[in-house]
Amino acid sequence: MYDYIIVGGGIVGLSTGVALMEKNPGLKLLLLEKDDSWAKQQTGHNSGVIHSGIYYKPGSFKAKFAREGNLSMVEFCRERGIEHDICGKVIVATREEELPLLDNLYKRGLDNGLAITRIGGEALKEIEPHVRGLAAIRVPAAGIVNYKQVAEAFALIIAERGGELLLNAEALRIDESGGQVRVETNRGAFTAKKLINCAGLHSDRIVRKSGMRPDMKIVPFRGEYYELVPEKRYLVKHLIYPVPNPSFPFLGVHYTRMIGGHVEAGPNAVLSFKREGYRKSDFSLQDIAETIGYPGFWMLAGKYWKEGAAEMVRSFSKAAFVRSLQQLIPEIEGKDLIPAPAGVRAQALKPDGGLVDDFHIVYGKNSVHVCNAPSPAATASIQIGRYIVDKLYG
């Protein structure tokens, strides 16, 4: 009998395991991961940004956990010798109509307690000579890291403290009865006092296997990227983002410096036909049937069909993708970009088509379910883990 079983070996599941072992070093912990390595899905395809929390509604979990998580993630990387770079970020208004949106975002950042600066076009040119913009917000606290390395460090800490880690172990059936939880996997059955669901792209399915009816469904969106050829990397010195469209739930194509020196450009955001669909050709009949059979998906599609159509065009037209990138750096050309690996975002969607905008945690009889943890979940992973443990221990 274990004290806790965690389902999901991404960065949130592993950080929760670390937090449990910190809280009670003697507890019996089992962490189950269906893949053959840690952080293989969302975490392993993450762009690696250490977010500041500027975008998120003041008082929300996202705002609080991103701000605090930024500090704790940097501290963890320093302690563990994990390469990272607090390179800073600029959010750029390229058109007059974006200036009021930039002002609103600047106010939100101040409300969230961030040390940010609003700068004009000339000041922007001094720090990003190749970026065209009327004004910008400079966010010094943003940075980059390889989150897969962070997740692997979390796994090592759990093992060092006596926790058990089991790869290639998929949760097939879950029974919450008799004051305990029984998890049947392809590698045997295990029992625990409590279950913690950190299954990411499959979190809603784990909720259903636990005998509950989730008030949301995970809909996967693929983010497709290009990478700047090495001789063009000099064009990007910081993280460079556009002013986000407040009516669309994604941040728009941007430039991201990566640990290792390369620079990614993107992403767009298109519906994935498979929950783990990192390629255009990836397809799962079960996954797409669940998506198109869900009323909330059609409500969402009806609301954002224009934006969705534009994202699809960018997916199949490199020229359209390049035009979007040229809004920030006009001298970018198609020959400067080569395809880069895509990521998939597990977005929780309500039956009425509303997006679950914040981290969403549901409690069962003997279980805790992290049902929505999109970006900035990697940045906030240490704080999410500590929050869950604090709730469990009152």
Protein backbone atom coordinates (compact mmCIF):
# COMPACT_ATOMS: atom_id res chain seq x y z
CA MET A 1 0.00 0.00 0.00
CA TYR A 2 1.39 3.35 -1.08
CA ASP A 3 0.55 6.67 0.48
CA TYR A 4 0.25 8.31 -2.94
CA ILE A 5 0.19 7.25 -6.56
CA ILE A 6 0.87 9.96 -9.14
CA VAL A 7 -0.27 9.28 -12.70
CA GLY A 8 1.80 11.24 -15.22
CA GLY A 9 5.56 11.74 -15.49
CA GLY A 10 5.63 15.17 -17.06
CA ILE A 11 7.04 18.18 -15.27
CA VAL A 12 3.89 18.79 -13.17
CA GLY A 13 3.63 15.19 -11.98
CA LEU A 14 7.32 15.04 -11.15
CA SER A 15 7.32 18.41 -9.36
CA THR A 16 4.34 17.22 -7.30
CA GLY A 17 6.31 14.12 -6.37
CA VAL A 18 9.22 16.28 -5.22
CA ALA A 19 6.87 18.44 -3.15
CA LEU A 20 5.36 15.36 -1.49
CA MET A 21 8.78 13.99 -0.57
CA GLU A 22 9.81 17.39 0.81
CA LYS A 23 6.66 17.58 2.94
CA ASN A 24 6.91 14.04 4.29
CA PRO A 25 10.26 12.35 3.52
CA GLY A 26 9.09 8.99 4.86
CA LEU A 27 6.01 8.53 2.73
CA LYS A 28 5.60 5.74 0.17
CA LEU A 29 5.21 7.23 -3.29
CA LEU A 30 4.72 5.60 -6.67
CA LEU A 31 4.82 7.63 -9.87
CA LEU A 32 3.44 5.97 -13.02
CA GLU A 33 4.31 7.09 -16.55
CA LYS A 34 2.92 5.35 -19.64
CA ASP A 35 5.85 6.39 -21.88
CA ASP A 36 9.40 5.02 -21.89
CA SER A 37 10.98 8.24 -20.60
CA TRP A 38 10.12 11.21 -18.43
CA ALA A 39 8.59 14.36 -19.88
CA LYS A 40 8.08 12.86 -23.33
CA GLN A 41 4.89 14.70 -24.26
CA GLN A 42 4.05 18.37 -23.57
CA THR A 43 7.11 18.99 -21.40
CA GLY A 44 9.48 17.43 -23.89
CA HIS A 45 8.10 19.58 -26.71
CA ASN A 46 7.99 22.79 -24.68
CA SER A 47 9.56 25.94 -26.12
CA GLY A 48 11.50 26.38 -22.88
CA VAL A 49 10.36 29.86 -21.87
CA ILE A 50 10.50 30.83 -18.19
CA HIS A 51 7.45 33.07 -18.17
CA SER A 52 7.02 36.20 -16.07
CA GLY A 53 3.24 36.13 -15.62
CA ILE A 54 2.47 39.39 -17.44
CA TYR A 55 -0.43 38.04 -19.51
CA TYR A 56 -2.56 36.56 -16.78
CA LYS A 57 -5.52 37.96 -14.91
CA PRO A 58 -4.39 39.44 -11.57
CA GLY A 59 -5.34 37.13 -8.72
CA SER A 60 -5.54 34.03 -10.92
CA PHE A 61 -3.55 30.87 -10.28
CA LYS A 62 -1.68 31.50 -13.54
CA ALA A 63 -0.60 34.99 -12.49
CA LYS A 64 0.42 33.99 -8.97
CA PHE A 65 2.08 30.68 -9.86
CA ALA A 66 3.92 32.09 -12.89
CA ARG A 67 5.36 35.01 -10.92
CA GLU A 68 6.41 32.83 -8.00
CA GLY A 69 7.36 29.94 -10.28
CA ASN A 70 9.70 32.15 -12.26
CA LEU A 71 11.72 32.76 -9.09
CA SER A 72 11.61 29.17 -7.83
CA MET A 73 12.49 27.72 -11.24
CA VAL A 74 15.54 29.98 -11.57
CA GLU A 75 16.61 29.10 -8.03
CA PHE A 76 16.20 25.38 -8.72
CA CYS A 77 18.26 25.61 -11.91
CA ARG A 78 21.03 27.46 -10.09
CA GLU A 79 21.10 24.89 -7.30
CA ARG A 80 21.16 21.95 -9.71
CA GLY A 81 23.50 23.46 -12.27
CA ILE A 82 20.90 23.36 -15.05
CA GLU A 83 21.71 25.73 -17.89
CA HIS A 84 19.30 28.65 -18.15
CA ASP A 85 19.37 32.25 -19.32
CA ILE A 86 17.32 35.17 -18.03
CA CYS A 87 17.54 36.86 -21.40
CA GLY A 88 14.45 39.07 -21.08
CA LYS A 89 11.56 39.64 -23.43
CA VAL A 90 9.95 42.39 -25.45
CA ILE A 91 6.25 42.52 -26.36
CA VAL A 92 5.96 44.70 -29.44
CA ALA A 93 3.16 46.82 -30.88
CA THR A 94 3.64 47.11 -34.65
CA ARG A 95 0.41 49.01 -35.49
CA GLU A 96 -1.35 52.05 -34.03
CA GLU A 97 -4.43 50.03 -33.09
CA GLU A 98 -2.25 47.79 -30.90
CA LEU A 99 -1.04 50.64 -28.68
CA PRO A 100 -4.11 50.66 -26.38
CA LEU A 101 -3.76 46.87 -26.04
CA LEU A 102 -0.11 47.32 -25.14
CA ASP A 103 -1.07 49.89 -22.49
CA ASN A 104 -3.63 47.48 -21.03
CA LEU A 105 -1.05 44.71 -20.92
CA TYR A 106 1.47 47.04 -19.27
CA LYS A 107 -1.07 47.89 -16.57
CA ARG A 108 -1.80 44.21 -16.05
CA GLY A 109 1.89 43.50 -15.62
CA LEU A 110 2.17 46.24 -13.00
CA ASP A 111 -0.92 44.88 -11.24
CA ASN A 112 0.82 41.50 -11.14
CA GLY A 113 3.80 43.06 -9.38
CA LEU A 114 6.27 42.76 -12.25
CA ALA A 115 9.28 45.01 -12.82
CA ILE A 116 8.58 45.96 -16.43
CA THR A 117 9.19 49.03 -18.59
CA ARG A 118 7.19 50.55 -21.44
CA ILE A 119 9.57 51.77 -24.13
CA GLY A 120 9.22 53.63 -27.42
CA GLY A 121 10.30 52.61 -30.89
CA GLU A 122 13.77 54.16 -30.63
CA ALA A 123 14.56 52.43 -27.36
CA LEU A 124 13.31 49.16 -28.86
CA LYS A 125 15.74 49.60 -31.76
CA GLU A 126 18.63 49.94 -29.33
CA ILE A 127 18.00 46.52 -27.78
CA GLU A 128 16.50 44.74 -30.83
CA PRO A 129 17.92 46.50 -33.91
CA HIS A 130 16.07 44.32 -36.43
CA VAL A 131 12.60 44.56 -34.87
CA ARG A 132 10.08 47.02 -36.28
CA GLY A 133 7.75 48.43 -33.64
CA LEU A 134 6.05 51.59 -32.45
CA ALA A 135 6.40 50.74 -28.77
CA ALA A 136 7.06 47.75 -26.55
CA ILE A 137 7.03 46.38 -23.03
CA ARG A 138 10.39 45.16 -21.77
CA VAL A 139 10.13 42.20 -19.40
CA PRO A 140 13.56 41.53 -17.84
CA ALA A 141 12.46 38.50 -15.77
CA ALA A 142 11.60 36.24 -18.73
CA GLY A 143 14.13 33.56 -19.59
CA ILE A 144 14.80 30.19 -21.19
CA VAL A 145 15.64 26.68 -20.00
CA ASN A 146 15.37 23.07 -21.16
CA TYR A 147 12.37 21.80 -19.19
CA LYS A 148 13.08 18.17 -20.00
CA GLN A 149 16.35 18.52 -18.07
CA VAL A 150 14.41 20.08 -15.19
CA ALA A 151 11.92 17.19 -15.21
CA GLU A 152 14.73 14.63 -15.21
CA ALA A 153 16.27 16.41 -12.22
CA PHE A 154 12.91 16.16 -10.42
CA ALA A 155 12.81 12.40 -11.15
CA LEU A 156 16.32 11.99 -9.73
CA ILE A 157 15.31 13.80 -6.52
CA ILE A 158 12.28 11.53 -6.06
CA ALA A 159 14.43 8.42 -6.53
CA GLU A 160 17.10 9.73 -4.15
CA ARG A 161 14.45 10.25 -1.48
CA GLY A 162 13.00 6.76 -1.75
CA GLY A 163 10.12 7.28 -4.14
CA GLU A 164 9.37 4.63 -6.75
CA LEU A 165 9.27 5.56 -10.44
CA LEU A 166 7.76 3.24 -13.03
CA LEU A 167 7.98 3.86 -16.78
CA ASN A 168 5.94 2.07 -19.46
CA ALA A 169 3.09 1.81 -16.95
CA GLU A 170 -0.28 2.97 -18.29
CA ALA A 171 -3.23 3.39 -15.93
CA LEU A 172 -6.03 1.26 -17.41
CA ARG A 173 -8.62 1.11 -14.64
CA ILE A 174 -9.02 3.03 -11.39
CA ASP A 175 -11.24 2.14 -8.44
CA GLU A 176 -11.86 4.64 -5.65
CA SER A 177 -13.63 2.72 -2.93
CA GLY A 178 -13.10 1.58 0.62
CA GLY A 179 -11.05 4.66 1.50
CA GLN A 180 -8.29 3.83 -0.95
CA VAL A 181 -7.46 3.84 -4.67
CA ARG A 182 -6.60 0.82 -6.78
CA VAL A 183 -4.86 1.47 -10.09
CA GLU A 184 -4.66 -1.35 -12.62
CA THR A 185 -1.90 -0.91 -15.19
CA ASN A 186 -0.31 -2.99 -17.92
CA ARG A 187 2.46 -3.69 -15.39
CA GLY A 188 0.30 -4.79 -12.50
CA ALA A 189 -2.12 -3.38 -9.94
CA PHE A 190 -1.21 -0.93 -7.19
CA THR A 191 -3.11 0.53 -4.25
CA ALA A 192 -2.68 3.80 -2.40
CA LYS A 193 -4.42 6.05 0.06
CA LYS A 194 -4.69 8.77 -2.56
CA LEU A 195 -4.25 9.29 -6.29
CA ILE A 196 -2.91 12.45 -7.95
CA ASN A 197 -3.72 12.82 -11.64
CA CYS A 198 -1.13 14.83 -13.59
CA ALA A 199 -1.73 13.10 -16.92
CA GLY A 200 -1.75 16.26 -19.07
CA LEU A 201 -3.14 15.40 -22.49
CA HIS A 202 -5.06 12.50 -20.96
CA SER A 203 -6.07 14.09 -17.65
CA ASP A 204 -9.82 14.07 -18.44
CA ARG A 205 -9.66 10.37 -19.27
CA ILE A 206 -8.05 9.61 -15.91
CA VAL A 207 -10.89 11.55 -14.26
CA ARG A 208 -13.43 9.34 -16.03
CA LYS A 209 -11.52 6.18 -15.13
CA SER A 210 -11.78 7.31 -11.51
CA GLY A 211 -15.57 7.19 -11.79
CA MET A 212 -16.12 10.94 -12.03
CA ARG A 213 -17.67 12.98 -14.83
CA PRO A 214 -15.31 15.84 -15.70
CA ASP A 215 -16.84 19.25 -16.42
CA MET A 216 -14.44 19.70 -19.34
CA LYS A 217 -12.70 17.86 -22.15
CA ILE A 218 -9.12 18.08 -23.32
CA VAL A 219 -8.89 19.32 -26.90
CA PRO A 220 -5.36 19.15 -28.36
CA PHE A 221 -3.93 22.06 -30.36
CA ARG A 222 -0.69 21.61 -32.26
CA GLY A 223 1.77 24.49 -32.31
CA GLU A 224 3.98 24.38 -35.39
CA TYR A 225 7.38 26.08 -35.52
CA TYR A 226 10.17 27.03 -37.86
CA GLU A 227 13.78 27.55 -36.84
CA LEU A 228 16.08 30.32 -38.02
CA VAL A 229 19.07 29.11 -40.01
CA PRO A 230 22.30 29.63 -38.02
CA GLU A 231 23.48 32.61 -40.05
CA LYS A 232 20.26 34.50 -39.20
CA ARG A 233 20.21 33.94 -35.45
CA TYR A 234 21.82 37.34 -34.91
CA LEU A 235 18.45 38.91 -35.75
CA VAL A 236 17.05 37.91 -32.33
CA LYS A 237 18.65 38.97 -29.05
CA HIS A 238 15.74 38.57 -26.61
CA LEU A 239 12.40 36.77 -26.67
CA ILE A 240 10.26 38.76 -29.11
CA TYR A 241 6.46 38.60 -28.91
CA PRO A 242 3.62 40.48 -30.61
CA VAL A 243 0.83 42.11 -28.64
CA PRO A 244 -1.64 39.25 -28.13
CA ASN A 245 -5.12 39.40 -29.58
CA PRO A 246 -7.36 39.61 -26.47
CA SER A 247 -10.18 37.83 -28.31
CA PHE A 248 -8.05 34.80 -29.23
CA PRO A 249 -6.60 32.42 -26.62
CA PHE A 250 -3.11 32.08 -28.15
CA LEU A 251 -0.15 34.48 -28.12
CA GLY A 252 0.58 34.71 -31.84
CA VAL A 253 3.78 33.81 -33.68
CA HIS A 254 6.90 35.00 -31.93
CA TYR A 255 10.66 34.46 -31.75
CA THR A 256 12.14 32.31 -28.99
CA ARG A 257 15.80 31.93 -28.20
CA MET A 258 16.54 28.41 -27.04
CA ILE A 259 19.12 26.85 -24.77
CA GLY A 260 21.79 25.68 -27.20
CA GLY A 261 21.72 28.84 -29.29
CA HIS A 262 19.09 28.17 -31.94
CA VAL A 263 16.04 30.39 -32.42
CA GLU A 264 12.50 29.16 -32.98
CA ALA A 265 9.79 31.12 -34.78
CA GLY A 266 6.13 30.34 -34.14
CA PRO A 267 3.86 28.78 -33.24
CA ASN A 268 0.63 28.79 -35.10
CA ALA A 269 -2.22 26.94 -33.37
CA VAL A 270 -4.22 24.29 -35.20
CA LEU A 271 -6.47 21.47 -34.06
CA SER A 272 -4.51 18.25 -33.68
CA PHE A 273 -6.15 15.07 -34.95
CA LYS A 274 -4.40 13.12 -32.20
CA ARG A 275 -3.75 14.01 -28.58
CA GLU A 276 -0.08 13.24 -29.09
CA GLY A 277 -0.13 14.48 -32.67
CA TYR A 278 3.14 16.32 -33.24
CA ARG A 279 3.04 15.84 -37.03
CA LYS A 280 0.39 16.89 -39.53
CA SER A 281 -0.03 13.23 -40.53
CA ASP A 282 -0.71 12.00 -36.98
CA PHE A 283 -4.27 10.74 -36.63
CA SER A 284 -6.28 8.88 -33.99
CA LEU A 285 -9.87 7.94 -34.76
CA GLN A 286 -10.69 7.80 -31.04
CA ASP A 287 -9.16 11.20 -30.35
CA ILE A 288 -10.74 13.06 -33.25
CA ALA A 289 -14.10 11.37 -32.67
CA GLU A 290 -14.05 12.58 -29.05
CA THR A 291 -13.23 16.10 -30.19
CA ILE A 292 -15.81 16.46 -32.99
CA GLY A 293 -18.44 14.68 -30.91
CA TYR A 294 -18.09 17.25 -28.14
CA PRO A 295 -20.57 20.16 -28.35
CA GLY A 296 -18.07 22.54 -26.81
CA PHE A 297 -15.71 22.11 -29.74
CA TRP A 298 -18.30 23.31 -32.23
CA MET A 299 -19.18 26.25 -30.00
CA LEU A 300 -15.48 27.19 -29.90
CA ALA A 301 -15.06 26.71 -33.67
CA GLY A 302 -18.06 28.92 -34.36
CA LYS A 303 -16.67 31.68 -32.18
CA TYR A 304 -13.12 31.66 -33.56
CA TRP A 305 -13.62 30.42 -37.13
CA LYS A 306 -11.87 33.42 -38.73
CA GLU A 307 -8.82 33.13 -36.50
CA GLY A 308 -8.85 29.35 -36.90
CA ALA A 309 -8.92 29.66 -40.68
CA ALA A 310 -5.92 31.99 -40.59
CA GLU A 311 -4.03 29.51 -38.41
CA MET A 312 -4.78 26.70 -40.87
CA VAL A 313 -3.52 28.81 -43.77
CA ARG A 314 -0.25 29.38 -41.89
CA SER A 315 -0.04 25.64 -41.25
CA PHE A 316 0.01 24.81 -44.96
CA SER A 317 1.56 27.98 -46.39
CA LYS A 318 5.11 28.86 -45.43
CA ALA A 319 4.67 32.20 -47.21
CA ALA A 320 1.75 33.08 -44.92
CA PHE A 321 3.80 32.05 -41.89
CA VAL A 322 6.67 34.24 -43.08
CA ARG A 323 4.37 37.24 -43.55
CA SER A 324 3.26 36.92 -39.92
CA LEU A 325 6.87 36.83 -38.75
CA GLN A 326 7.78 39.83 -40.92
CA GLN A 327 5.41 42.00 -38.89
CA LEU A 328 8.07 41.88 -36.16
CA ILE A 329 11.26 41.44 -38.21
CA PRO A 330 10.69 42.66 -41.77
CA GLU A 331 13.94 41.28 -43.19
CA ILE A 332 13.01 37.64 -42.44
CA GLU A 333 12.63 35.62 -45.66
CA GLY A 334 11.40 32.12 -46.37
CA LYS A 335 14.94 30.89 -47.05
CA ASP A 336 15.87 31.90 -43.47
CA LEU A 337 13.51 29.31 -41.95
CA ILE A 338 13.67 25.53 -41.67
CA PRO A 339 10.99 23.27 -40.09
CA ALA A 340 11.31 22.63 -36.36
CA PRO A 341 9.55 20.14 -34.06
CA ALA A 342 5.98 20.96 -33.07
CA GLY A 343 4.34 20.91 -29.65
CA VAL A 344 0.82 20.04 -28.52
CA ARG A 345 -1.15 22.03 -25.98
CA ALA A 346 -3.72 20.20 -23.85
CA GLN A 347 -6.50 22.78 -23.65
CA ALA A 348 -9.47 22.10 -21.39
CA LEU A 349 -12.76 23.08 -23.01
CA LYS A 350 -16.13 23.52 -21.33
CA PRO A 351 -19.36 22.12 -22.82
CA ASP A 352 -20.50 25.65 -23.74
CA GLY A 353 -17.34 26.23 -25.78
CA GLY A 354 -15.60 28.31 -23.14
CA LEU A 355 -11.91 27.74 -22.62
CA VAL A 356 -10.80 26.85 -19.12
CA ASP A 357 -8.48 29.82 -18.80
CA ASP A 358 -6.82 29.06 -15.47
CA PHE A 359 -5.24 26.01 -13.89
CA HIS A 360 -8.14 23.71 -12.99
CA ILE A 361 -7.93 21.19 -10.13
CA VAL A 362 -10.75 18.78 -9.24
CA TYR A 363 -11.04 16.71 -6.08
CA GLY A 364 -12.47 13.18 -5.88
CA LYS A 365 -13.12 10.93 -2.89
CA ASN A 366 -9.52 9.81 -2.66
CA SER A 367 -8.00 11.70 -5.55
CA VAL A 368 -6.80 15.04 -6.88
CA HIS A 369 -6.98 15.76 -10.60
CA VAL A 370 -4.99 18.50 -12.37
CA CYS A 371 -7.43 18.88 -15.27
CA ASN A 372 -6.00 21.96 -16.97
CA ALA A 373 -2.37 22.98 -16.84
CA PRO A 374 -1.41 24.70 -20.10
CA SER A 375 1.33 27.31 -20.40
CA PRO A 376 2.78 28.58 -18.07
CA ALA A 377 2.55 25.21 -16.30
CA ALA A 378 6.23 24.38 -16.84
CA THR A 379 7.31 27.71 -15.35
CA ALA A 380 4.82 27.26 -12.52
CA SER A 381 5.41 23.54 -11.97
CA ILE A 382 7.17 23.87 -8.61
CA GLN A 383 4.38 26.11 -7.31
CA ILE A 384 1.64 23.83 -8.65
CA GLY A 385 3.21 20.86 -6.89
CA ARG A 386 3.51 22.74 -3.60
CA TYR A 387 -0.07 23.99 -3.88
CA ILE A 388 -1.44 20.46 -4.37
CA VAL A 389 0.55 19.16 -1.41
CA ASP A 390 -0.55 22.02 0.81
CA LYS A 391 -4.17 21.23 -0.04
CA LEU A 392 -3.65 17.53 0.71
CA TYR A 393 -2.08 18.26 4.09
CA GLY A 394 -4.48 21.06 4.99
